[in-house]
Amino acid sequence: MRKLLSCLAAGVIAATVSVARADPAQDAAKLADIFCQLGKQDGEFGRLYLVTKSLGVAIAEAIKKNGEIASAHPDEKPPLGDGIPFQSYPDVAPVCKPGKFTDTGRTQVIEIVYEFPDKPAASWTDRLVLITEEGRPRIDDILFGTADSDNGLRKALAAAFQN
């Protein structure tokens, strides 16, 4: 089932995110929407099709290290025991949607808004950092929260194994 969903995700990305990049904001919103849908349906694996090559390599290395630690210490939870942290919190929000888009020239940033309609205080926003790779927008990092920080997925993967 995961393979089927992952193949479908790749097809959806190819069909909906234009190569021409005529409208970067619209392309980013489509990518963000796919990111949200995959988070609800396929968890982390479908989202791997949305990342840049370099982020994909970083994730693959982290998964490998995590597996080695899990094998060496089967009675302990490994650093990525809850999966790849594609968002600030592991909670599945009922609402996930694209937010504000910003174009900085080399990169684009689109907010991902996670909402809990029954508990608005539990809602949060992360940011996808996008770059163009092979003519399409790809996720190069996920910054946690909306503060002006670079605390995100790349740092979390590196920090998970600094013991």
N, C-alpha and C. Protein backbone atom coordinates (compact mmCIF):
# COMPACT_ATOMS: atom_id res chain seq x y z
N MET A 1 0.82 -1.19 0.00
CA MET A 1 0.00 0.00 0.00
C MET A 1 0.87 1.26 0.00
N ARG A 2 1.96 1.23 0.78
CA ARG A 2 2.85 2.39 0.82
C ARG A 2 3.47 2.65 -0.53
N LYS A 3 3.87 1.55 -1.23
CA LYS A 3 4.46 1.73 -2.55
C LYS A 3 3.46 2.35 -3.51
N LEU A 4 2.22 1.90 -3.44
CA LEU A 4 1.19 2.45 -4.31
C LEU A 4 0.98 3.93 -4.02
N LEU A 5 0.87 4.29 -2.74
CA LEU A 5 0.67 5.70 -2.39
C LEU A 5 1.87 6.54 -2.78
N SER A 6 3.08 5.99 -2.60
CA SER A 6 4.27 6.73 -2.96
C SER A 6 4.35 6.96 -4.46
N CYS A 7 3.99 5.94 -5.24
CA CYS A 7 3.97 6.09 -6.70
C CYS A 7 2.92 7.12 -7.12
N LEU A 8 1.77 7.07 -6.48
CA LEU A 8 0.73 8.05 -6.76
C LEU A 8 1.21 9.46 -6.42
N ALA A 9 1.92 9.58 -5.31
CA ALA A 9 2.44 10.89 -4.91
C ALA A 9 3.39 11.44 -5.96
N ALA A 10 4.28 10.58 -6.45
CA ALA A 10 5.22 11.03 -7.48
C ALA A 10 4.47 11.47 -8.73
N GLY A 11 3.44 10.75 -9.11
CA GLY A 11 2.64 11.13 -10.27
C GLY A 11 1.90 12.43 -10.06
N VAL A 12 1.36 12.60 -8.88
CA VAL A 12 0.63 13.84 -8.57
C VAL A 12 1.57 15.03 -8.62
N ILE A 13 2.75 14.87 -8.09
CA ILE A 13 3.73 15.96 -8.08
C ILE A 13 4.08 16.34 -9.52
N ALA A 14 4.36 15.34 -10.33
CA ALA A 14 4.73 15.61 -11.71
C ALA A 14 3.60 16.29 -12.47
N ALA A 15 2.38 15.92 -12.16
CA ALA A 15 1.24 16.47 -12.89
C ALA A 15 0.82 17.85 -12.40
N THR A 16 1.03 18.16 -11.13
CA THR A 16 0.47 19.39 -10.59
C THR A 16 1.47 20.51 -10.39
N VAL A 17 2.73 20.20 -10.24
CA VAL A 17 3.72 21.26 -10.03
C VAL A 17 4.45 21.47 -11.34
N SER A 18 4.23 22.60 -11.94
CA SER A 18 4.72 22.84 -13.29
C SER A 18 6.22 22.98 -13.35
N VAL A 19 6.78 22.54 -14.46
CA VAL A 19 8.20 22.67 -14.68
C VAL A 19 8.54 24.12 -15.03
N ALA A 20 7.65 24.80 -15.70
CA ALA A 20 7.94 26.15 -16.17
C ALA A 20 8.06 27.17 -15.04
N ARG A 21 7.46 26.88 -13.91
CA ARG A 21 7.51 27.78 -12.77
C ARG A 21 6.95 29.16 -13.12
N ALA A 22 5.86 29.16 -13.89
CA ALA A 22 5.24 30.42 -14.29
C ALA A 22 4.72 31.19 -13.09
N ASP A 23 4.29 30.48 -12.06
CA ASP A 23 3.75 31.12 -10.87
C ASP A 23 4.32 30.42 -9.63
N PRO A 24 5.46 30.88 -9.13
CA PRO A 24 6.10 30.22 -7.99
C PRO A 24 5.20 30.10 -6.76
N ALA A 25 4.38 31.11 -6.50
CA ALA A 25 3.50 31.06 -5.33
C ALA A 25 2.47 29.94 -5.49
N GLN A 26 1.91 29.81 -6.68
CA GLN A 26 0.93 28.76 -6.93
C GLN A 26 1.59 27.38 -6.87
N ASP A 27 2.79 27.24 -7.44
CA ASP A 27 3.51 25.97 -7.37
C ASP A 27 3.82 25.60 -5.93
N ALA A 28 4.24 26.58 -5.15
CA ALA A 28 4.56 26.33 -3.73
C ALA A 28 3.31 25.90 -2.98
N ALA A 29 2.19 26.55 -3.25
CA ALA A 29 0.94 26.19 -2.57
C ALA A 29 0.51 24.76 -2.94
N LYS A 30 0.70 24.38 -4.20
CA LYS A 30 0.38 23.01 -4.61
C LYS A 30 1.28 22.00 -3.90
N LEU A 31 2.57 22.32 -3.86
CA LEU A 31 3.51 21.42 -3.18
C LEU A 31 3.15 21.32 -1.70
N ALA A 32 2.82 22.44 -1.07
CA ALA A 32 2.45 22.44 0.35
C ALA A 32 1.19 21.61 0.58
N ASP A 33 0.23 21.73 -0.34
CA ASP A 33 -1.00 20.95 -0.22
C ASP A 33 -0.70 19.45 -0.33
N ILE A 34 0.15 19.07 -1.27
CA ILE A 34 0.55 17.66 -1.40
C ILE A 34 1.27 17.20 -0.14
N PHE A 35 2.14 18.05 0.39
CA PHE A 35 2.86 17.75 1.64
C PHE A 35 1.86 17.44 2.76
N CYS A 36 0.83 18.26 2.86
CA CYS A 36 -0.19 18.05 3.90
C CYS A 36 -0.94 16.74 3.67
N GLN A 37 -1.36 16.50 2.43
CA GLN A 37 -2.12 15.28 2.13
C GLN A 37 -1.30 14.03 2.42
N LEU A 38 -0.02 14.05 2.05
CA LEU A 38 0.83 12.89 2.31
C LEU A 38 1.05 12.68 3.80
N GLY A 39 1.07 13.73 4.56
CA GLY A 39 1.24 13.62 6.00
C GLY A 39 0.07 12.90 6.65
N LYS A 40 -1.10 13.08 6.09
CA LYS A 40 -2.29 12.42 6.63
C LYS A 40 -2.43 10.99 6.13
N GLN A 41 -1.99 10.73 4.90
CA GLN A 41 -2.23 9.44 4.29
C GLN A 41 -1.07 8.47 4.43
N ASP A 42 0.14 8.95 4.21
CA ASP A 42 1.28 8.05 4.10
C ASP A 42 2.37 8.35 5.11
N GLY A 43 2.13 9.30 5.99
CA GLY A 43 3.17 9.63 6.96
C GLY A 43 4.41 10.18 6.28
N GLU A 44 5.55 9.68 6.70
CA GLU A 44 6.79 10.26 6.24
C GLU A 44 7.26 9.78 4.87
N PHE A 45 6.91 8.58 4.47
CA PHE A 45 7.54 8.02 3.28
C PHE A 45 7.12 8.72 1.99
N GLY A 46 5.87 9.08 1.84
CA GLY A 46 5.44 9.80 0.65
C GLY A 46 6.09 11.16 0.55
N ARG A 47 6.36 11.76 1.67
CA ARG A 47 6.97 13.10 1.67
C ARG A 47 8.41 13.07 1.17
N LEU A 48 9.04 11.92 1.18
CA LEU A 48 10.40 11.82 0.68
C LEU A 48 10.50 12.19 -0.79
N TYR A 49 9.42 12.03 -1.55
CA TYR A 49 9.42 12.39 -2.96
C TYR A 49 9.40 13.89 -3.19
N LEU A 50 9.19 14.64 -2.14
CA LEU A 50 9.08 16.10 -2.26
C LEU A 50 10.38 16.82 -1.93
N VAL A 51 11.38 16.11 -1.42
CA VAL A 51 12.60 16.77 -0.93
C VAL A 51 13.69 16.83 -2.00
N THR A 52 14.64 17.74 -1.78
CA THR A 52 15.79 17.85 -2.66
C THR A 52 16.67 16.62 -2.51
N LYS A 53 17.59 16.47 -3.46
CA LYS A 53 18.52 15.34 -3.39
C LYS A 53 19.35 15.41 -2.11
N SER A 54 19.84 16.59 -1.78
CA SER A 54 20.71 16.70 -0.59
C SER A 54 19.95 16.41 0.70
N LEU A 55 18.72 16.87 0.80
CA LEU A 55 17.94 16.56 1.99
C LEU A 55 17.59 15.08 2.01
N GLY A 56 17.33 14.50 0.85
CA GLY A 56 17.07 13.06 0.77
C GLY A 56 18.25 12.24 1.27
N VAL A 57 19.47 12.67 0.91
CA VAL A 57 20.68 11.99 1.38
C VAL A 57 20.79 12.11 2.90
N ALA A 58 20.54 13.29 3.44
CA ALA A 58 20.61 13.49 4.89
C ALA A 58 19.59 12.61 5.61
N ILE A 59 18.40 12.49 5.05
CA ILE A 59 17.36 11.65 5.65
C ILE A 59 17.77 10.18 5.57
N ALA A 60 18.29 9.75 4.42
CA ALA A 60 18.71 8.36 4.26
C ALA A 60 19.83 8.00 5.24
N GLU A 61 20.78 8.91 5.43
CA GLU A 61 21.86 8.67 6.39
C GLU A 61 21.31 8.57 7.81
N ALA A 62 20.37 9.43 8.14
CA ALA A 62 19.77 9.39 9.48
C ALA A 62 19.00 8.10 9.70
N ILE A 63 18.28 7.65 8.69
CA ILE A 63 17.53 6.39 8.81
C ILE A 63 18.50 5.22 9.01
N LYS A 64 19.62 5.25 8.29
CA LYS A 64 20.62 4.19 8.43
C LYS A 64 21.21 4.18 9.85
N LYS A 65 21.62 5.34 10.33
CA LYS A 65 22.17 5.44 11.68
C LYS A 65 21.15 5.01 12.72
N ASN A 66 19.91 5.42 12.52
CA ASN A 66 18.85 5.06 13.45
C ASN A 66 18.67 3.54 13.50
N GLY A 67 18.73 2.90 12.34
CA GLY A 67 18.62 1.44 12.28
C GLY A 67 19.76 0.74 12.99
N GLU A 68 20.95 1.28 12.83
CA GLU A 68 22.12 0.70 13.51
C GLU A 68 21.96 0.81 15.03
N ILE A 69 21.51 1.94 15.49
CA ILE A 69 21.31 2.13 16.94
C ILE A 69 20.20 1.22 17.44
N ALA A 70 19.13 1.10 16.69
CA ALA A 70 18.02 0.24 17.08
C ALA A 70 18.45 -1.21 17.16
N SER A 71 19.29 -1.65 16.23
CA SER A 71 19.78 -3.03 16.24
C SER A 71 20.73 -3.28 17.42
N ALA A 72 21.56 -2.30 17.71
CA ALA A 72 22.53 -2.44 18.80
C ALA A 72 21.86 -2.37 20.17
N HIS A 73 20.75 -1.68 20.28
CA HIS A 73 20.05 -1.49 21.56
C HIS A 73 18.55 -1.73 21.36
N PRO A 74 18.15 -2.99 21.14
CA PRO A 74 16.74 -3.27 20.81
C PRO A 74 15.74 -2.93 21.91
N ASP A 75 16.20 -2.80 23.14
CA ASP A 75 15.27 -2.49 24.24
C ASP A 75 15.10 -0.99 24.47
N GLU A 76 15.80 -0.16 23.68
CA GLU A 76 15.72 1.28 23.84
C GLU A 76 15.12 1.93 22.59
N LYS A 77 14.45 3.02 22.80
CA LYS A 77 13.89 3.77 21.67
C LYS A 77 15.02 4.51 20.96
N PRO A 78 15.18 4.32 19.65
CA PRO A 78 16.25 5.02 18.94
C PRO A 78 15.92 6.51 18.76
N PRO A 79 16.91 7.30 18.37
CA PRO A 79 16.69 8.75 18.24
C PRO A 79 15.51 9.13 17.34
N LEU A 80 15.29 8.38 16.29
CA LEU A 80 14.17 8.67 15.39
C LEU A 80 13.05 7.65 15.58
N GLY A 81 12.83 7.27 16.81
CA GLY A 81 11.81 6.28 17.14
C GLY A 81 10.40 6.72 16.78
N ASP A 82 10.19 8.03 16.67
CA ASP A 82 8.87 8.55 16.26
C ASP A 82 8.84 8.88 14.77
N GLY A 83 9.89 8.51 14.05
CA GLY A 83 9.96 8.78 12.62
C GLY A 83 10.74 10.04 12.31
N ILE A 84 10.80 10.35 11.03
CA ILE A 84 11.47 11.57 10.57
C ILE A 84 10.61 12.76 10.99
N PRO A 85 11.20 13.75 11.66
CA PRO A 85 10.42 14.90 12.13
C PRO A 85 10.12 15.90 11.00
N PHE A 86 9.11 15.58 10.21
CA PHE A 86 8.70 16.46 9.12
C PHE A 86 7.88 17.65 9.61
N GLN A 87 7.63 17.72 10.91
CA GLN A 87 6.89 18.85 11.48
C GLN A 87 7.34 19.04 12.91
N SER A 88 7.01 20.18 13.49
CA SER A 88 7.45 20.52 14.84
C SER A 88 7.02 19.50 15.89
N TYR A 89 5.79 19.03 15.75
CA TYR A 89 5.22 18.13 16.75
C TYR A 89 4.71 16.86 16.06
N PRO A 90 4.75 15.73 16.74
CA PRO A 90 4.29 14.48 16.11
C PRO A 90 2.77 14.38 16.01
N ASP A 91 2.04 15.28 16.64
CA ASP A 91 0.58 15.23 16.62
C ASP A 91 0.06 15.41 15.19
N VAL A 92 -0.97 14.66 14.86
CA VAL A 92 -1.61 14.82 13.55
C VAL A 92 -2.74 15.83 13.72
N ALA A 93 -2.57 16.98 13.12
CA ALA A 93 -3.58 18.03 13.21
C ALA A 93 -4.71 17.74 12.23
N PRO A 94 -5.96 17.99 12.64
CA PRO A 94 -7.08 17.78 11.72
C PRO A 94 -7.02 18.66 10.47
N VAL A 95 -6.39 19.83 10.61
CA VAL A 95 -6.27 20.75 9.47
C VAL A 95 -4.79 21.00 9.21
N CYS A 96 -4.40 20.78 7.97
CA CYS A 96 -3.05 21.10 7.50
C CYS A 96 -3.25 21.81 6.18
N LYS A 97 -2.72 23.04 6.07
CA LYS A 97 -2.96 23.80 4.85
C LYS A 97 -1.81 24.76 4.58
N PRO A 98 -1.65 25.14 3.30
CA PRO A 98 -0.62 26.12 2.96
C PRO A 98 -0.95 27.48 3.56
N GLY A 99 0.09 28.20 3.93
CA GLY A 99 -0.09 29.55 4.47
C GLY A 99 0.61 30.57 3.59
N LYS A 100 1.22 31.55 4.23
CA LYS A 100 1.86 32.68 3.55
C LYS A 100 3.07 32.22 2.74
N PHE A 101 3.23 32.80 1.56
CA PHE A 101 4.35 32.50 0.67
C PHE A 101 5.30 33.69 0.63
N THR A 102 6.61 33.41 0.68
CA THR A 102 7.63 34.44 0.58
C THR A 102 8.69 33.99 -0.42
N ASP A 103 9.05 34.88 -1.33
CA ASP A 103 10.10 34.57 -2.32
C ASP A 103 11.30 35.44 -2.01
N THR A 104 12.43 34.80 -1.69
CA THR A 104 13.65 35.54 -1.35
C THR A 104 14.63 35.61 -2.50
N GLY A 105 14.24 35.11 -3.65
CA GLY A 105 15.15 35.09 -4.79
C GLY A 105 15.65 33.69 -5.05
N ARG A 106 16.62 33.24 -4.28
CA ARG A 106 17.15 31.88 -4.45
C ARG A 106 16.22 30.84 -3.86
N THR A 107 15.58 31.17 -2.77
CA THR A 107 14.67 30.21 -2.13
C THR A 107 13.29 30.83 -1.98
N GLN A 108 12.34 29.95 -1.84
CA GLN A 108 10.99 30.37 -1.51
C GLN A 108 10.63 29.70 -0.19
N VAL A 109 9.78 30.34 0.56
CA VAL A 109 9.33 29.79 1.83
C VAL A 109 7.81 29.84 1.83
N ILE A 110 7.19 28.71 2.18
CA ILE A 110 5.75 28.68 2.33
C ILE A 110 5.42 28.10 3.69
N GLU A 111 4.53 28.76 4.37
CA GLU A 111 4.12 28.28 5.69
C GLU A 111 3.18 27.09 5.54
N ILE A 112 3.31 26.16 6.49
CA ILE A 112 2.37 25.05 6.63
C ILE A 112 1.66 25.29 7.95
N VAL A 113 0.36 25.48 7.88
CA VAL A 113 -0.45 25.81 9.05
C VAL A 113 -1.14 24.53 9.53
N TYR A 114 -0.87 24.17 10.78
CA TYR A 114 -1.51 23.01 11.42
C TYR A 114 -2.51 23.55 12.43
N GLU A 115 -3.77 23.16 12.27
CA GLU A 115 -4.81 23.69 13.14
C GLU A 115 -5.60 22.59 13.83
N PHE A 116 -5.96 22.88 15.06
CA PHE A 116 -6.88 22.06 15.85
C PHE A 116 -8.10 22.93 16.11
N PRO A 117 -9.16 22.79 15.30
CA PRO A 117 -10.32 23.68 15.44
C PRO A 117 -10.92 23.68 16.85
N ASP A 118 -10.89 22.55 17.55
CA ASP A 118 -11.45 22.48 18.90
C ASP A 118 -10.52 23.06 19.96
N LYS A 119 -9.22 23.16 19.64
CA LYS A 119 -8.22 23.69 20.57
C LYS A 119 -7.27 24.61 19.82
N PRO A 120 -7.69 25.81 19.50
CA PRO A 120 -6.86 26.73 18.71
C PRO A 120 -5.48 26.99 19.30
N ALA A 121 -5.35 26.93 20.60
CA ALA A 121 -4.06 27.18 21.24
C ALA A 121 -3.04 26.09 20.91
N ALA A 122 -3.51 24.93 20.50
CA ALA A 122 -2.61 23.82 20.16
C ALA A 122 -2.10 23.90 18.72
N SER A 123 -2.60 24.85 17.95
CA SER A 123 -2.21 24.99 16.55
C SER A 123 -0.78 25.54 16.44
N TRP A 124 -0.15 25.28 15.31
CA TRP A 124 1.19 25.80 15.07
C TRP A 124 1.43 25.96 13.57
N THR A 125 2.54 26.61 13.23
CA THR A 125 2.92 26.83 11.84
C THR A 125 4.39 26.50 11.67
N ASP A 126 4.70 25.71 10.64
CA ASP A 126 6.07 25.44 10.23
C ASP A 126 6.30 26.09 8.88
N ARG A 127 7.52 26.04 8.38
CA ARG A 127 7.83 26.66 7.08
C ARG A 127 8.62 25.69 6.20
N LEU A 128 8.18 25.50 4.98
CA LEU A 128 8.92 24.72 4.00
C LEU A 128 9.86 25.66 3.25
N VAL A 129 11.14 25.33 3.21
CA VAL A 129 12.11 26.09 2.42
C VAL A 129 12.24 25.36 1.09
N LEU A 130 11.91 26.05 0.02
CA LEU A 130 11.88 25.43 -1.30
C LEU A 130 12.98 25.99 -2.19
N ILE A 131 13.58 25.11 -2.98
CA ILE A 131 14.48 25.53 -4.04
C ILE A 131 14.06 24.80 -5.30
N THR A 132 14.47 25.31 -6.44
CA THR A 132 14.16 24.65 -7.70
C THR A 132 15.25 23.63 -7.99
N GLU A 133 14.82 22.41 -8.25
CA GLU A 133 15.75 21.33 -8.59
C GLU A 133 15.12 20.55 -9.73
N GLU A 134 15.87 20.39 -10.80
CA GLU A 134 15.37 19.71 -12.00
C GLU A 134 14.08 20.37 -12.51
N GLY A 135 14.02 21.69 -12.39
CA GLY A 135 12.90 22.44 -12.91
C GLY A 135 11.65 22.46 -12.05
N ARG A 136 11.71 21.85 -10.88
CA ARG A 136 10.53 21.79 -10.01
C ARG A 136 10.90 22.26 -8.60
N PRO A 137 9.93 22.84 -7.90
CA PRO A 137 10.19 23.20 -6.50
C PRO A 137 10.32 21.94 -5.66
N ARG A 138 11.31 21.93 -4.79
CA ARG A 138 11.54 20.82 -3.88
C ARG A 138 11.81 21.38 -2.49
N ILE A 139 11.51 20.58 -1.48
CA ILE A 139 11.73 20.99 -0.09
C ILE A 139 13.19 20.77 0.26
N ASP A 140 13.87 21.84 0.65
CA ASP A 140 15.28 21.74 1.03
C ASP A 140 15.47 21.76 2.54
N ASP A 141 14.46 22.20 3.26
CA ASP A 141 14.47 22.14 4.72
C ASP A 141 13.05 22.45 5.20
N ILE A 142 12.78 22.08 6.41
CA ILE A 142 11.52 22.41 7.06
C ILE A 142 11.88 23.11 8.35
N LEU A 143 11.54 24.38 8.44
CA LEU A 143 11.86 25.16 9.63
C LEU A 143 10.68 25.08 10.59
N PHE A 144 10.99 24.76 11.83
CA PHE A 144 9.95 24.55 12.83
C PHE A 144 9.56 25.88 13.46
N GLY A 145 8.29 26.20 13.39
CA GLY A 145 7.79 27.45 13.93
C GLY A 145 7.93 28.58 12.93
N THR A 146 7.42 29.73 13.31
CA THR A 146 7.48 30.89 12.41
C THR A 146 8.51 31.92 12.84
N ALA A 147 9.18 31.68 13.94
CA ALA A 147 10.20 32.62 14.40
C ALA A 147 11.35 32.66 13.40
N ASP A 148 12.07 33.75 13.40
CA ASP A 148 13.22 33.86 12.50
C ASP A 148 14.38 33.01 13.02
N SER A 149 14.24 31.71 12.85
CA SER A 149 15.30 30.80 13.27
C SER A 149 15.53 29.79 12.17
N ASP A 150 16.64 29.12 12.26
CA ASP A 150 16.94 28.07 11.30
C ASP A 150 16.83 26.69 11.95
N ASN A 151 16.08 26.61 13.04
CA ASN A 151 15.86 25.34 13.71
C ASN A 151 14.86 24.53 12.89
N GLY A 152 15.34 23.46 12.28
CA GLY A 152 14.46 22.70 11.42
C GLY A 152 14.89 21.27 11.26
N LEU A 153 14.42 20.67 10.19
CA LEU A 153 14.64 19.25 9.93
C LEU A 153 16.12 18.92 9.81
N ARG A 154 16.87 19.67 9.04
CA ARG A 154 18.29 19.36 8.88
C ARG A 154 19.03 19.37 10.23
N LYS A 155 18.77 20.38 11.03
CA LYS A 155 19.41 20.45 12.35
C LYS A 155 18.94 19.32 13.26
N ALA A 156 17.65 18.99 13.19
CA ALA A 156 17.11 17.92 14.03
C ALA A 156 17.74 16.58 13.68
N LEU A 157 17.94 16.33 12.39
CA LEU A 157 18.58 15.07 11.96
C LEU A 157 20.02 14.99 12.46
N ALA A 158 20.75 16.09 12.34
CA ALA A 158 22.13 16.12 12.81
C ALA A 158 22.21 15.98 14.33
N ALA A 159 21.34 16.68 15.03
CA ALA A 159 21.36 16.67 16.50
C ALA A 159 20.95 15.31 17.07
N ALA A 160 20.15 14.57 16.35
CA ALA A 160 19.65 13.29 16.86
C ALA A 160 20.76 12.29 17.13
N PHE A 161 21.91 12.48 16.48
CA PHE A 161 22.99 11.50 16.59
C PHE A 161 24.27 12.09 17.18
N GLN A 162 24.16 13.22 17.87
CA GLN A 162 25.33 13.85 18.48
C GLN A 162 25.45 13.41 19.95
N ASN A 163 25.78 12.19 20.16
CA ASN A 163 25.96 11.71 21.55
C ASN A 163 27.36 11.25 21.78
